[in-house]
Amino acid sequence: MLFFTKCSAFDSTLTLFDMGGAMIDWDRVNSLRNDIGAEAFDEVVEIFLEEVQEIIDKLRDAPVIADLEHDLHSLKNGALNLGFADLSSLCLKGEREAAAGQADQFDLTQVVRLFDTARAQFLDELPRRLAA
Protein backbone atom coordinates (compact mmCIF):
# COMPACT_ATOMS: atom_id res chain seq x y z
CA MET A 1 0.00 0.00 0.00
CA LEU A 2 1.39 3.38 -0.94
CA PHE A 3 0.63 6.54 0.99
CA PHE A 4 1.02 10.07 -0.30
CA THR A 5 1.37 13.16 1.83
CA LYS A 6 2.25 16.80 1.34
CA CYS A 7 5.74 17.75 2.42
CA SER A 8 4.66 21.12 3.82
CA ALA A 9 1.80 23.56 3.66
CA PHE A 10 3.71 25.63 1.11
CA ASP A 11 5.03 22.80 -1.04
CA SER A 12 2.74 20.93 -3.39
CA THR A 13 5.31 18.17 -3.83
CA LEU A 14 3.98 14.78 -2.79
CA THR A 15 5.99 12.23 -0.90
CA LEU A 16 5.32 8.52 -1.24
CA PHE A 17 5.36 6.26 1.81
CA ASP A 18 4.91 2.50 1.99
CA MET A 19 2.27 1.85 4.63
CA GLY A 20 2.69 -1.92 4.47
CA GLY A 21 -0.94 -2.55 3.53
CA ALA A 22 -2.46 -0.61 6.46
CA MET A 23 -5.84 0.94 5.72
CA ILE A 24 -5.48 3.30 8.68
CA ASP A 25 -2.18 4.91 9.62
CA TRP A 26 -2.55 4.54 13.39
CA ASP A 27 0.76 6.34 13.99
CA ARG A 28 -0.76 9.39 12.29
CA VAL A 29 -3.94 9.05 14.36
CA ASN A 30 -1.95 8.87 17.60
CA SER A 31 0.27 11.75 16.57
CA LEU A 32 -2.73 13.93 15.78
CA ARG A 33 -4.36 13.07 19.11
CA ASN A 34 -1.15 13.81 21.01
CA ASP A 35 -0.68 17.11 19.15
CA ILE A 36 -4.18 18.51 19.70
CA GLY A 37 -5.34 16.73 22.87
CA ALA A 38 -8.04 14.16 23.49
CA GLU A 39 -11.00 16.55 23.62
CA ALA A 40 -10.07 18.38 20.43
CA PHE A 41 -9.30 15.06 18.77
CA ASP A 42 -12.82 13.79 19.42
CA GLU A 43 -14.21 16.97 17.85
CA VAL A 44 -11.88 16.68 14.83
CA VAL A 45 -12.97 13.07 14.27
CA GLU A 46 -16.64 14.06 14.45
CA ILE A 47 -16.21 16.98 12.05
CA PHE A 48 -14.09 14.92 9.65
CA LEU A 49 -16.61 12.10 9.50
CA GLU A 50 -19.52 14.52 8.97
CA GLU A 51 -17.78 16.51 6.23
CA VAL A 52 -16.45 13.46 4.45
CA GLN A 53 -19.82 11.73 4.66
CA GLU A 54 -21.39 14.70 2.84
CA ILE A 55 -18.89 14.36 -0.01
CA ILE A 56 -19.27 10.57 -0.09
CA ASP A 57 -23.06 10.92 -0.25
CA LYS A 58 -22.68 13.33 -3.16
CA LEU A 59 -20.33 10.94 -4.97
CA ARG A 60 -22.65 8.00 -4.26
CA ASP A 61 -25.95 9.66 -5.14
CA ALA A 62 -25.35 12.50 -7.58
CA PRO A 63 -21.72 13.01 -8.59
CA VAL A 64 -20.92 16.12 -10.60
CA ILE A 65 -18.04 15.36 -12.94
CA ALA A 66 -17.04 19.03 -13.06
CA ASP A 67 -16.60 18.98 -9.25
CA LEU A 68 -14.81 15.65 -9.05
CA GLU A 69 -11.25 17.00 -8.87
CA HIS A 70 -12.21 19.36 -6.02
CA ASP A 71 -14.25 16.72 -4.18
CA LEU A 72 -11.46 14.15 -4.36
CA HIS A 73 -8.91 16.76 -3.31
CA SER A 74 -11.00 17.58 -0.24
CA LEU A 75 -11.40 13.89 0.59
CA LYS A 76 -7.68 13.28 0.11
CA ASN A 77 -6.71 16.06 2.49
CA GLY A 78 -9.20 15.04 5.15
CA ALA A 79 -8.10 11.44 4.83
CA LEU A 80 -4.44 12.44 5.18
CA ASN A 81 -5.15 14.40 8.33
CA LEU A 82 -6.92 11.52 10.06
CA GLY A 83 -4.77 8.64 8.86
CA PHE A 84 -7.09 7.10 6.24
CA ALA A 85 -4.08 6.07 4.17
CA ASP A 86 -5.72 3.91 1.47
CA LEU A 87 -8.52 6.40 0.93
CA SER A 88 -6.04 9.23 0.56
CA SER A 89 -4.06 7.31 -2.03
CA LEU A 90 -7.14 6.42 -4.06
CA CYS A 91 -8.41 10.00 -3.94
CA LEU A 92 -5.05 11.25 -5.18
CA LYS A 93 -5.31 8.88 -8.14
CA GLY A 94 -8.81 10.11 -8.94
CA GLU A 95 -7.84 13.74 -8.44
CA ARG A 96 -5.01 13.34 -10.95
CA GLU A 97 -7.27 11.60 -13.45
CA ALA A 98 -9.87 14.35 -13.10
CA ALA A 99 -7.18 17.02 -13.58
CA ALA A 100 -6.12 15.23 -16.76
CA GLY A 101 -9.67 15.41 -18.12
CA GLN A 102 -10.42 11.75 -17.40
CA ALA A 103 -12.86 12.18 -14.51
CA ASP A 104 -15.50 10.12 -16.29
CA GLN A 105 -13.13 7.13 -16.33
CA PHE A 106 -12.53 7.05 -12.56
CA ASP A 107 -14.54 4.48 -10.62
CA LEU A 108 -16.19 6.40 -7.79
CA THR A 109 -17.66 3.24 -6.31
CA GLN A 110 -14.14 2.31 -5.18
CA VAL A 111 -13.91 5.53 -3.17
CA VAL A 112 -17.32 5.01 -1.61
CA ARG A 113 -16.62 1.38 -0.70
CA LEU A 114 -13.18 2.17 0.64
CA PHE A 115 -14.50 5.00 2.80
CA ASP A 116 -17.26 2.80 4.19
CA THR A 117 -14.75 0.06 5.02
CA ALA A 118 -12.13 2.42 6.44
CA ARG A 119 -14.71 4.29 8.51
CA ALA A 120 -16.00 1.04 10.00
CA GLN A 121 -12.46 -0.15 10.78
CA PHE A 122 -11.51 3.22 12.26
CA LEU A 123 -14.55 3.42 14.54
CA ASP A 124 -14.23 -0.23 15.53
CA GLU A 125 -10.51 -0.09 16.40
CA LEU A 126 -10.22 3.48 17.72
CA PRO A 127 -11.27 2.81 21.35
CA ARG A 128 -8.88 -0.14 21.67
CA ARG A 129 -5.99 1.68 20.04
CA LEU A 130 -6.44 4.80 22.16
CA ALA A 131 -6.56 2.70 25.31
CA ALA A 132 -3.22 1.04 24.51
C-alpha atoms as a PDB file:
ATOM      1  CA  MET A   1       0.000   0.000   0.000  1.00  0.00           C
ATOM      2  CA  LEU A   2       1.392   3.377  -0.938  1.00  0.00           C
ATOM      3  CA  PHE A   3       0.632   6.538   0.990  1.00  0.00           C
ATOM      4  CA  PHE A   4       1.019  10.068  -0.302  1.00  0.00           C
ATOM      5  CA  THR A   5       1.369  13.165   1.832  1.00  0.00           C
ATOM      6  CA  LYS A   6       2.254  16.804   1.337  1.00  0.00           C
ATOM      7  CA  CYS A   7       5.737  17.752   2.417  1.00  0.00           C
ATOM      8  CA  SER A   8       4.658  21.120   3.818  1.00  0.00           C
ATOM      9  CA  ALA A   9       1.800  23.565   3.664  1.00  0.00           C
ATOM     10  CA  PHE A  10       3.714  25.627   1.106  1.00  0.00           C
ATOM     11  CA  ASP A  11       5.033  22.804  -1.042  1.00  0.00           C
ATOM     12  CA  SER A  12       2.738  20.927  -3.392  1.00  0.00           C
ATOM     13  CA  THR A  13       5.308  18.166  -3.828  1.00  0.00           C
ATOM     14  CA  LEU A  14       3.979  14.784  -2.790  1.00  0.00           C
ATOM     15  CA  THR A  15       5.986  12.225  -0.905  1.00  0.00           C
ATOM     16  CA  LEU A  16       5.317   8.520  -1.238  1.00  0.00           C
ATOM     17  CA  PHE A  17       5.358   6.257   1.805  1.00  0.00           C
ATOM     18  CA  ASP A  18       4.912   2.500   1.993  1.00  0.00           C
ATOM     19  CA  MET A  19       2.269   1.849   4.628  1.00  0.00           C
ATOM     20  CA  GLY A  20       2.688  -1.919   4.475  1.00  0.00           C
ATOM     21  CA  GLY A  21      -0.936  -2.553   3.532  1.00  0.00           C
ATOM     22  CA  ALA A  22      -2.460  -0.609   6.459  1.00  0.00           C
ATOM     23  CA  MET A  23      -5.838   0.935   5.717  1.00  0.00           C
ATOM     24  CA  ILE A  24      -5.479   3.295   8.679  1.00  0.00           C
ATOM     25  CA  ASP A  25      -2.178   4.907   9.621  1.00  0.00           C
ATOM     26  CA  TRP A  26      -2.548   4.544  13.390  1.00  0.00           C
ATOM     27  CA  ASP A  27       0.757   6.338  13.990  1.00  0.00           C
ATOM     28  CA  ARG A  28      -0.757   9.387  12.289  1.00  0.00           C
ATOM     29  CA  VAL A  29      -3.935   9.050  14.357  1.00  0.00           C
ATOM     30  CA  ASN A  30      -1.952   8.866  17.604  1.00  0.00           C
ATOM     31  CA  SER A  31       0.270  11.746  16.565  1.00  0.00           C
ATOM     32  CA  LEU A  32      -2.729  13.934  15.785  1.00  0.00           C
ATOM     33  CA  ARG A  33      -4.364  13.071  19.108  1.00  0.00           C
ATOM     34  CA  ASN A  34      -1.151  13.812  21.006  1.00  0.00           C
ATOM     35  CA  ASP A  35      -0.677  17.107  19.154  1.00  0.00           C
ATOM     36  CA  ILE A  36      -4.180  18.511  19.700  1.00  0.00           C
ATOM     37  CA  GLY A  37      -5.335  16.728  22.867  1.00  0.00           C
ATOM     38  CA  ALA A  38      -8.039  14.156  23.489  1.00  0.00           C
ATOM     39  CA  GLU A  39     -11.005  16.546  23.621  1.00  0.00           C
ATOM     40  CA  ALA A  40     -10.071  18.383  20.428  1.00  0.00           C
ATOM     41  CA  PHE A  41      -9.296  15.059  18.770  1.00  0.00           C
ATOM     42  CA  ASP A  42     -12.821  13.789  19.416  1.00  0.00           C
ATOM     43  CA  GLU A  43     -14.206  16.967  17.852  1.00  0.00           C
ATOM     44  CA  VAL A  44     -11.881  16.680  14.833  1.00  0.00           C
ATOM     45  CA  VAL A  45     -12.974  13.068  14.274  1.00  0.00           C
ATOM     46  CA  GLU A  46     -16.640  14.058  14.451  1.00  0.00           C
ATOM     47  CA  ILE A  47     -16.212  16.984  12.047  1.00  0.00           C
ATOM     48  CA  PHE A  48     -14.091  14.918   9.647  1.00  0.00           C
ATOM     49  CA  LEU A  49     -16.605  12.098   9.497  1.00  0.00           C
ATOM     50  CA  GLU A  50     -19.516  14.516   8.967  1.00  0.00           C
ATOM     51  CA  GLU A  51     -17.776  16.511   6.230  1.00  0.00           C
ATOM     52  CA  VAL A  52     -16.448  13.458   4.445  1.00  0.00           C
ATOM     53  CA  GLN A  53     -19.824  11.728   4.656  1.00  0.00           C
ATOM     54  CA  GLU A  54     -21.388  14.703   2.844  1.00  0.00           C
ATOM     55  CA  ILE A  55     -18.893  14.362  -0.012  1.00  0.00           C
ATOM     56  CA  ILE A  56     -19.266  10.568  -0.089  1.00  0.00           C
ATOM     57  CA  ASP A  57     -23.063  10.915  -0.249  1.00  0.00           C
ATOM     58  CA  LYS A  58     -22.685  13.326  -3.156  1.00  0.00           C
ATOM     59  CA  LEU A  59     -20.329  10.942  -4.967  1.00  0.00           C
ATOM     60  CA  ARG A  60     -22.646   8.003  -4.264  1.00  0.00           C
ATOM     61  CA  ASP A  61     -25.953   9.661  -5.138  1.00  0.00           C
ATOM     62  CA  ALA A  62     -25.352  12.500  -7.585  1.00  0.00           C
ATOM     63  CA  PRO A  63     -21.723  13.011  -8.592  1.00  0.00           C
ATOM     64  CA  VAL A  64     -20.919  16.122 -10.595  1.00  0.00           C
ATOM     65  CA  ILE A  65     -18.038  15.362 -12.945  1.00  0.00           C
ATOM     66  CA  ALA A  66     -17.036  19.033 -13.057  1.00  0.00           C
ATOM     67  CA  ASP A  67     -16.604  18.984  -9.246  1.00  0.00           C
ATOM     68  CA  LEU A  68     -14.805  15.653  -9.047  1.00  0.00           C
ATOM     69  CA  GLU A  69     -11.252  17.003  -8.866  1.00  0.00           C
ATOM     70  CA  HIS A  70     -12.207  19.363  -6.022  1.00  0.00           C
ATOM     71  CA  ASP A  71     -14.249  16.723  -4.179  1.00  0.00           C
ATOM     72  CA  LEU A  72     -11.461  14.148  -4.360  1.00  0.00           C
ATOM     73  CA  HIS A  73      -8.906  16.761  -3.312  1.00  0.00           C
ATOM     74  CA  SER A  74     -11.001  17.576  -0.237  1.00  0.00           C
ATOM     75  CA  LEU A  75     -11.403  13.890   0.588  1.00  0.00           C
ATOM     76  CA  LYS A  76      -7.684  13.277   0.113  1.00  0.00           C
ATOM     77  CA  ASN A  77      -6.705  16.064   2.491  1.00  0.00           C
ATOM     78  CA  GLY A  78      -9.195  15.042   5.151  1.00  0.00           C
ATOM     79  CA  ALA A  79      -8.098  11.445   4.828  1.00  0.00           C
ATOM     80  CA  LEU A  80      -4.441  12.436   5.184  1.00  0.00           C
ATOM     81  CA  ASN A  81      -5.152  14.400   8.333  1.00  0.00           C
ATOM     82  CA  LEU A  82      -6.916  11.522  10.059  1.00  0.00           C
ATOM     83  CA  GLY A  83      -4.775   8.643   8.862  1.00  0.00           C
ATOM     84  CA  PHE A  84      -7.088   7.096   6.240  1.00  0.00           C
ATOM     85  CA  ALA A  85      -4.078   6.065   4.166  1.00  0.00           C
ATOM     86  CA  ASP A  86      -5.716   3.911   1.473  1.00  0.00           C
ATOM     87  CA  LEU A  87      -8.519   6.399   0.928  1.00  0.00           C
ATOM     88  CA  SER A  88      -6.044   9.232   0.556  1.00  0.00           C
ATOM     89  CA  SER A  89      -4.055   7.309  -2.031  1.00  0.00           C
ATOM     90  CA  LEU A  90      -7.135   6.418  -4.056  1.00  0.00           C
ATOM     91  CA  CYS A  91      -8.411   9.996  -3.939  1.00  0.00           C
ATOM     92  CA  LEU A  92      -5.054  11.254  -5.181  1.00  0.00           C
ATOM     93  CA  LYS A  93      -5.313   8.878  -8.136  1.00  0.00           C
ATOM     94  CA  GLY A  94      -8.805  10.113  -8.941  1.00  0.00           C
ATOM     95  CA  GLU A  95      -7.839  13.741  -8.444  1.00  0.00           C
ATOM     96  CA  ARG A  96      -5.012  13.342 -10.945  1.00  0.00           C
ATOM     97  CA  GLU A  97      -7.272  11.597 -13.455  1.00  0.00           C
ATOM     98  CA  ALA A  98      -9.866  14.352 -13.100  1.00  0.00           C
ATOM     99  CA  ALA A  99      -7.179  17.018 -13.575  1.00  0.00           C
ATOM    100  CA  ALA A 100      -6.117  15.228 -16.758  1.00  0.00           C
ATOM    101  CA  GLY A 101      -9.667  15.408 -18.118  1.00  0.00           C
ATOM    102  CA  GLN A 102     -10.420  11.753 -17.402  1.00  0.00           C
ATOM    103  CA  ALA A 103     -12.863  12.183 -14.513  1.00  0.00           C
ATOM    104  CA  ASP A 104     -15.501  10.121 -16.285  1.00  0.00           C
ATOM    105  CA  GLN A 105     -13.130   7.131 -16.327  1.00  0.00           C
ATOM    106  CA  PHE A 106     -12.526   7.049 -12.561  1.00  0.00           C
ATOM    107  CA  ASP A 107     -14.545   4.475 -10.617  1.00  0.00           C
ATOM    108  CA  LEU A 108     -16.186   6.396  -7.789  1.00  0.00           C
ATOM    109  CA  THR A 109     -17.662   3.238  -6.314  1.00  0.00           C
ATOM    110  CA  GLN A 110     -14.140   2.308  -5.184  1.00  0.00           C
ATOM    111  CA  VAL A 111     -13.905   5.526  -3.171  1.00  0.00           C
ATOM    112  CA  VAL A 112     -17.318   5.007  -1.608  1.00  0.00           C
ATOM    113  CA  ARG A 113     -16.622   1.376  -0.704  1.00  0.00           C
ATOM    114  CA  LEU A 114     -13.179   2.166   0.640  1.00  0.00           C
ATOM    115  CA  PHE A 115     -14.499   4.997   2.796  1.00  0.00           C
ATOM    116  CA  ASP A 116     -17.258   2.797   4.189  1.00  0.00           C
ATOM    117  CA  THR A 117     -14.749   0.057   5.023  1.00  0.00           C
ATOM    118  CA  ALA A 118     -12.125   2.418   6.441  1.00  0.00           C
ATOM    119  CA  ARG A 119     -14.711   4.287   8.514  1.00  0.00           C
ATOM    120  CA  ALA A 120     -16.004   1.043  10.004  1.00  0.00           C
ATOM    121  CA  GLN A 121     -12.461  -0.150  10.784  1.00  0.00           C
ATOM    122  CA  PHE A 122     -11.510   3.217  12.263  1.00  0.00           C
ATOM    123  CA  LEU A 123     -14.550   3.418  14.535  1.00  0.00           C
ATOM    124  CA  ASP A 124     -14.231  -0.228  15.532  1.00  0.00           C
ATOM    125  CA  GLU A 125     -10.509  -0.090  16.398  1.00  0.00           C
ATOM    126  CA  LEU A 126     -10.225   3.477  17.718  1.00  0.00           C
ATOM    127  CA  PRO A 127     -11.265   2.813  21.348  1.00  0.00           C
ATOM    128  CA  ARG A 128      -8.881  -0.144  21.668  1.00  0.00           C
ATOM    129  CA  ARG A 129      -5.994   1.679  20.039  1.00  0.00           C
ATOM    130  CA  LEU A 130      -6.436   4.797  22.155  1.00  0.00           C
ATOM    131  CA  ALA A 131      -6.561   2.697  25.313  1.00  0.00           C
ATOM    132  CA  ALA A 132      -3.223   1.043  24.506  1.00  0.00           C
END
